[in-house]
Amino acid sequence: MRFKLPELGSHVTGFAVRFGGKVYAYLNRCAHISLELDWNPGEFFDLSGQYLICATHGAHFQPDTGYCVAGPCHGQMLESVQVKEQEQQIFINLESLTNV
C-alpha cells in the first residue's frame, strides 16, 4: 500500500507491506538515490515475493528490516516508518522519521 506524506513535502510518499503476517512501512525512497522504489504504483516486491526491489537500479531490500542485500546500496537501509495495526487499520507515526 502506497500513501502520501504531505507533512514531509508535496511529492513525498511512503509505503506499507505485509510480510510474514506483520506490517512494515518505509519512506518510498531508495537508499541508493532518492527515487521511488515501486515499479508500478504500489508494487514493491520482486517476483519471488521475498524482497522489496528498486525499479530504477534493482536494489533488493529485506521487507522486515529495510536492509539492502543486493545492488548499488548494499548494506544501507530504507528509512522505516513506525506503524501500528489496530482493528484492521494501519496507523503511521511521523515522529519516527529522522532523515527527512
Foldseek 3Di string as FASTA:
>chain_A
DKADDVVVPDPWIKAWDADPNDIWIFTQQDPQGGDGADPPVRHFADPVRQWGFRNPFTFTAGNVWQATCDTDNHGDGTGTWDWDADPNDIDTDPVSGDPD
